Amino acid sequence: MARDSLDLRGVKCPLSWARAKVRLETMATGAELELVLDDPQGATDIPRAAEASGHHILSVVEKDGLWRITIEV
């Protein structure tokens, strides 16, 4: 399945979620989007917002102050 990525380093929530949401809306069902962000608030809020919007969170991994969140459309 196709995996897209979106670099959101330096972007604060809720703008980071707004950008992710726009990208998710253009993707095919079953596709995956990997977000890379450095905002701890976004790392907490984006998975909740994505699930509330009907998406599935595949993983949330934090390493060295960077989060990688993989969302299935």
Protein backbone atom coordinates (compact mmCIF):
# COMPACT_ATOMS: atom_id res chain seq x y z
CA MET A 1 0.00 0.00 0.00
CA ALA A 2 1.17 3.53 -0.72
CA ARG A 3 2.74 5.52 2.09
CA ASP A 4 3.03 9.28 1.92
CA SER A 5 4.91 11.48 4.37
CA LEU A 6 4.47 15.00 5.67
CA ASP A 7 7.20 16.87 7.51
CA LEU A 8 5.60 19.07 10.18
CA ARG A 9 8.73 20.00 12.12
CA GLY A 10 8.43 23.55 13.39
CA VAL A 11 4.64 23.60 12.91
CA LYS A 12 2.56 23.89 16.09
CA CYS A 13 -0.80 22.25 16.74
CA PRO A 14 -3.54 22.93 15.63
CA LEU A 15 -1.93 24.07 12.35
CA SER A 16 -0.07 20.76 12.09
CA TRP A 17 -3.36 18.82 12.32
CA ALA A 18 -4.98 21.15 9.76
CA ARG A 19 -2.17 20.41 7.28
CA ALA A 20 -2.34 16.68 7.97
CA LYS A 21 -6.12 16.69 7.57
CA VAL A 22 -5.91 18.41 4.17
CA ARG A 23 -3.41 15.76 2.99
CA LEU A 24 -5.50 12.88 4.38
CA GLU A 25 -8.57 14.14 2.51
CA THR A 26 -6.73 13.77 -0.82
CA MET A 27 -5.53 10.21 -0.16
CA ALA A 28 -7.16 6.93 -1.16
CA THR A 29 -8.77 4.69 1.45
CA GLY A 30 -6.19 2.27 2.84
CA ALA A 31 -3.23 4.55 2.09
CA GLU A 32 -0.86 5.52 4.91
CA LEU A 33 0.45 8.93 5.90
CA GLU A 34 3.53 9.29 8.08
CA LEU A 35 3.78 12.58 9.93
CA VAL A 36 7.09 13.80 11.34
CA LEU A 37 6.75 16.43 14.04
CA ASP A 38 8.62 17.99 16.93
CA ASP A 39 5.64 19.46 18.81
CA PRO A 40 4.75 17.38 21.92
CA GLN A 41 1.24 18.83 21.96
CA GLY A 42 0.70 17.76 18.36
CA ALA A 43 2.04 14.30 19.13
CA THR A 44 -0.76 13.97 21.71
CA ASP A 45 -3.56 15.76 19.87
CA ILE A 46 -3.11 14.55 16.29
CA PRO A 47 -3.71 10.84 16.97
CA ARG A 48 -6.90 11.70 18.90
CA ALA A 49 -8.12 14.06 16.18
CA ALA A 50 -7.32 11.55 13.43
CA GLU A 51 -9.25 8.77 15.18
CA ALA A 52 -12.16 11.13 15.82
CA SER A 53 -12.17 11.79 12.06
CA GLY A 54 -12.41 8.07 11.30
CA HIS A 55 -8.75 7.29 10.59
CA HIS A 56 -6.72 4.49 12.16
CA ILE A 57 -3.46 5.18 14.01
CA LEU A 58 -0.91 2.53 13.06
CA SER A 59 1.95 3.81 15.21
CA VAL A 60 3.28 6.68 17.29
CA VAL A 61 7.04 6.53 17.80
CA GLU A 62 9.12 9.13 19.64
CA LYS A 63 12.88 9.27 19.23
CA ASP A 64 15.20 12.13 20.16
CA GLY A 65 12.38 14.67 20.41
CA LEU A 66 10.84 13.75 17.04
CA TRP A 67 7.55 11.91 16.70
CA ARG A 68 6.59 9.75 13.73
CA ILE A 69 2.85 9.15 13.57
CA THR A 70 1.55 6.75 10.94
CA ILE A 71 -2.11 7.13 10.04
CA GLU A 72 -4.17 4.86 7.79
CA VAL A 73 -6.77 6.69 5.73
